[in-house]
Amino acid sequence: MTNAPRWLSTAEAAKRLGITPRTLYRFIDGGQLPAYRFGRVIRLQENEVDSFIQTCRIEPGTLEHLYPEAVVADAD
């Protein structure tokens, strides 16, 4: 017996991600986050939302472009 997927509404998914529904729709439309249409209702699988969260994880040392003056000042 397989575990049935847990479905999230767009409001639940947006809340879980801490983003607005508009941003959620941009991720869906851009192909970054899979979603499913059942009639007029859009649903997302909880495990796919969790996977998306993991793909957004920031690796250490990748944000230097956001604070270049601090990096230069530290080098002095």
N, C-alpha and C. Protein backbone atom coordinates (compact mmCIF):
# COMPACT_ATOMS: atom_id res chain seq x y z
N MET A 1 0.83 -1.17 0.00
CA MET A 1 0.00 0.00 0.00
C MET A 1 0.88 1.24 0.00
N THR A 2 0.61 2.17 -0.90
CA THR A 2 1.41 3.38 -0.99
C THR A 2 0.74 4.49 -0.20
N ASN A 3 1.57 5.40 0.25
CA ASN A 3 1.03 6.56 0.96
C ASN A 3 0.49 7.55 -0.06
N ALA A 4 -0.73 7.96 0.13
CA ALA A 4 -1.34 8.95 -0.74
C ALA A 4 -0.66 10.30 -0.49
N PRO A 5 -0.45 11.10 -1.54
CA PRO A 5 0.17 12.41 -1.32
C PRO A 5 -0.73 13.32 -0.50
N ARG A 6 -0.11 14.18 0.28
CA ARG A 6 -0.87 15.18 1.03
C ARG A 6 -0.91 16.42 0.16
N TRP A 7 -2.12 16.88 -0.14
CA TRP A 7 -2.31 18.02 -1.02
C TRP A 7 -2.45 19.30 -0.22
N LEU A 8 -1.85 20.37 -0.73
CA LEU A 8 -1.94 21.69 -0.12
C LEU A 8 -2.67 22.63 -1.08
N SER A 9 -3.49 23.50 -0.53
CA SER A 9 -4.08 24.56 -1.35
C SER A 9 -2.98 25.58 -1.64
N THR A 10 -3.24 26.48 -2.56
CA THR A 10 -2.24 27.51 -2.85
C THR A 10 -2.02 28.40 -1.62
N ALA A 11 -3.08 28.66 -0.86
CA ALA A 11 -2.94 29.48 0.35
C ALA A 11 -2.07 28.76 1.38
N GLU A 12 -2.28 27.45 1.54
CA GLU A 12 -1.47 26.68 2.49
C GLU A 12 -0.02 26.62 2.04
N ALA A 13 0.21 26.41 0.76
CA ALA A 13 1.57 26.33 0.24
C ALA A 13 2.29 27.67 0.39
N ALA A 14 1.60 28.76 0.07
CA ALA A 14 2.20 30.09 0.21
C ALA A 14 2.56 30.37 1.66
N LYS A 15 1.67 30.00 2.57
CA LYS A 15 1.93 30.20 4.00
C LYS A 15 3.11 29.36 4.45
N ARG A 16 3.17 28.11 3.99
CA ARG A 16 4.28 27.22 4.35
C ARG A 16 5.61 27.78 3.88
N LEU A 17 5.60 28.42 2.69
CA LEU A 17 6.82 29.00 2.13
C LEU A 17 7.10 30.40 2.66
N GLY A 18 6.11 31.02 3.30
CA GLY A 18 6.29 32.37 3.81
C GLY A 18 6.31 33.41 2.70
N ILE A 19 5.55 33.17 1.64
CA ILE A 19 5.49 34.07 0.50
C ILE A 19 4.04 34.43 0.19
N THR A 20 3.84 35.39 -0.68
CA THR A 20 2.49 35.76 -1.08
C THR A 20 1.98 34.77 -2.13
N PRO A 21 0.67 34.64 -2.25
CA PRO A 21 0.14 33.78 -3.33
C PRO A 21 0.62 34.22 -4.71
N ARG A 22 0.78 35.51 -4.92
CA ARG A 22 1.28 35.99 -6.21
C ARG A 22 2.67 35.44 -6.52
N THR A 23 3.55 35.45 -5.53
CA THR A 23 4.89 34.89 -5.71
C THR A 23 4.81 33.39 -5.96
N LEU A 24 3.93 32.71 -5.25
CA LEU A 24 3.73 31.27 -5.46
C LEU A 24 3.33 31.00 -6.91
N TYR A 25 2.38 31.78 -7.43
CA TYR A 25 1.95 31.59 -8.82
C TYR A 25 3.10 31.85 -9.79
N ARG A 26 3.99 32.80 -9.48
CA ARG A 26 5.16 33.03 -10.34
C ARG A 26 6.07 31.82 -10.35
N PHE A 27 6.29 31.21 -9.19
CA PHE A 27 7.11 29.99 -9.13
C PHE A 27 6.47 28.86 -9.93
N ILE A 28 5.16 28.72 -9.80
CA ILE A 28 4.44 27.67 -10.54
C ILE A 28 4.53 27.94 -12.04
N ASP A 29 4.21 29.16 -12.45
CA ASP A 29 4.20 29.51 -13.87
C ASP A 29 5.60 29.43 -14.48
N GLY A 30 6.62 29.68 -13.68
CA GLY A 30 8.00 29.61 -14.16
C GLY A 30 8.56 28.20 -14.18
N GLY A 31 7.77 27.22 -13.72
CA GLY A 31 8.21 25.84 -13.73
C GLY A 31 9.12 25.46 -12.58
N GLN A 32 9.27 26.34 -11.60
CA GLN A 32 10.14 26.05 -10.47
C GLN A 32 9.45 25.18 -9.42
N LEU A 33 8.13 25.22 -9.40
CA LEU A 33 7.35 24.50 -8.40
C LEU A 33 6.19 23.79 -9.08
N PRO A 34 6.16 22.46 -9.02
CA PRO A 34 5.07 21.75 -9.68
C PRO A 34 3.73 21.95 -8.97
N ALA A 35 2.68 22.08 -9.76
CA ALA A 35 1.33 22.22 -9.23
C ALA A 35 0.38 21.48 -10.16
N TYR A 36 -0.81 21.23 -9.67
CA TYR A 36 -1.79 20.41 -10.39
C TYR A 36 -3.14 21.12 -10.37
N ARG A 37 -3.80 21.11 -11.52
CA ARG A 37 -5.12 21.72 -11.62
C ARG A 37 -6.17 20.62 -11.66
N PHE A 38 -7.10 20.70 -10.73
CA PHE A 38 -8.24 19.78 -10.68
C PHE A 38 -9.48 20.64 -10.89
N GLY A 39 -9.94 20.72 -12.14
CA GLY A 39 -11.04 21.63 -12.44
C GLY A 39 -10.55 23.05 -12.29
N ARG A 40 -11.18 23.80 -11.41
CA ARG A 40 -10.78 25.19 -11.18
C ARG A 40 -9.83 25.34 -10.00
N VAL A 41 -9.48 24.24 -9.36
CA VAL A 41 -8.68 24.27 -8.13
C VAL A 41 -7.24 23.90 -8.43
N ILE A 42 -6.31 24.64 -7.89
CA ILE A 42 -4.88 24.32 -8.01
C ILE A 42 -4.40 23.76 -6.68
N ARG A 43 -3.70 22.64 -6.74
CA ARG A 43 -3.16 22.00 -5.54
C ARG A 43 -1.68 21.68 -5.75
N LEU A 44 -0.97 21.61 -4.65
CA LEU A 44 0.44 21.26 -4.66
C LEU A 44 0.66 20.09 -3.70
N GLN A 45 1.59 19.22 -4.05
CA GLN A 45 1.91 18.10 -3.17
C GLN A 45 2.88 18.60 -2.09
N GLU A 46 2.57 18.25 -0.86
CA GLU A 46 3.37 18.72 0.27
C GLU A 46 4.84 18.32 0.11
N ASN A 47 5.11 17.09 -0.33
CA ASN A 47 6.50 16.64 -0.46
C ASN A 47 7.24 17.42 -1.55
N GLU A 48 6.52 17.86 -2.61
CA GLU A 48 7.16 18.65 -3.65
C GLU A 48 7.44 20.08 -3.17
N VAL A 49 6.58 20.61 -2.33
CA VAL A 49 6.83 21.92 -1.73
C VAL A 49 8.06 21.82 -0.82
N ASP A 50 8.15 20.75 -0.04
CA ASP A 50 9.31 20.56 0.83
C ASP A 50 10.60 20.40 0.02
N SER A 51 10.52 19.69 -1.10
CA SER A 51 11.69 19.54 -1.98
C SER A 51 12.11 20.89 -2.55
N PHE A 52 11.12 21.70 -2.94
CA PHE A 52 11.40 23.04 -3.45
C PHE A 52 12.12 23.87 -2.40
N ILE A 53 11.68 23.77 -1.15
CA ILE A 53 12.34 24.50 -0.07
C ILE A 53 13.81 24.12 0.00
N GLN A 54 14.10 22.83 -0.11
CA GLN A 54 15.50 22.38 -0.05
C GLN A 54 16.32 22.89 -1.22
N THR A 55 15.72 23.02 -2.40
CA THR A 55 16.47 23.53 -3.56
C THR A 55 16.80 25.00 -3.41
N CYS A 56 16.08 25.70 -2.53
CA CYS A 56 16.31 27.13 -2.31
C CYS A 56 17.34 27.39 -1.22
N ARG A 57 17.88 26.34 -0.64
CA ARG A 57 18.83 26.50 0.45
C ARG A 57 20.07 27.27 -0.04
N ILE A 58 20.51 28.21 0.74
CA ILE A 58 21.66 29.03 0.39
C ILE A 58 22.93 28.35 0.88
N GLU A 59 23.86 28.16 -0.04
CA GLU A 59 25.15 27.57 0.32
C GLU A 59 26.05 28.66 0.91
N PRO A 60 26.80 28.33 1.96
CA PRO A 60 27.70 29.32 2.55
C PRO A 60 28.68 29.86 1.50
N GLY A 61 28.95 31.16 1.58
CA GLY A 61 29.91 31.79 0.68
C GLY A 61 29.32 32.23 -0.66
N THR A 62 28.00 32.12 -0.84
CA THR A 62 27.41 32.48 -2.13
C THR A 62 26.72 33.84 -2.11
N LEU A 63 26.78 34.57 -1.01
CA LEU A 63 26.09 35.85 -0.92
C LEU A 63 27.03 37.05 -0.90
N GLU A 64 28.30 36.84 -1.22
CA GLU A 64 29.27 37.93 -1.16
C GLU A 64 28.88 39.09 -2.07
N HIS A 65 28.18 38.81 -3.15
CA HIS A 65 27.77 39.86 -4.07
C HIS A 65 26.78 40.83 -3.42
N LEU A 66 26.18 40.44 -2.30
CA LEU A 66 25.21 41.30 -1.63
C LEU A 66 25.86 42.28 -0.67
N TYR A 67 27.13 42.04 -0.34
CA TYR A 67 27.81 42.95 0.59
C TYR A 67 29.27 43.16 0.17
N PRO A 68 29.50 43.59 -1.08
CA PRO A 68 30.89 43.71 -1.59
C PRO A 68 31.74 44.70 -0.80
N GLU A 69 31.13 45.81 -0.32
CA GLU A 69 31.95 46.76 0.41
C GLU A 69 32.45 46.20 1.73
N ALA A 70 31.67 45.37 2.38
CA ALA A 70 32.10 44.75 3.64
C ALA A 70 33.26 43.80 3.40
N VAL A 71 33.23 43.05 2.30
CA VAL A 71 34.29 42.12 1.99
C VAL A 71 35.58 42.87 1.70
N VAL A 72 35.49 43.98 0.94
CA VAL A 72 36.66 44.79 0.63
C VAL A 72 37.21 45.43 1.91
N ALA A 73 36.34 45.93 2.78
CA ALA A 73 36.77 46.57 4.02
C ALA A 73 37.45 45.56 4.94
N ASP A 74 36.97 44.31 4.94
CA ASP A 74 37.58 43.29 5.78
C ASP A 74 38.97 42.92 5.28
N ALA A 75 39.23 43.09 4.00
CA ALA A 75 40.51 42.71 3.41
C ALA A 75 41.61 43.68 3.80
N ASP A 76 41.26 44.91 4.18
CA ASP A 76 42.27 45.93 4.55
C ASP A 76 42.94 45.65 5.84
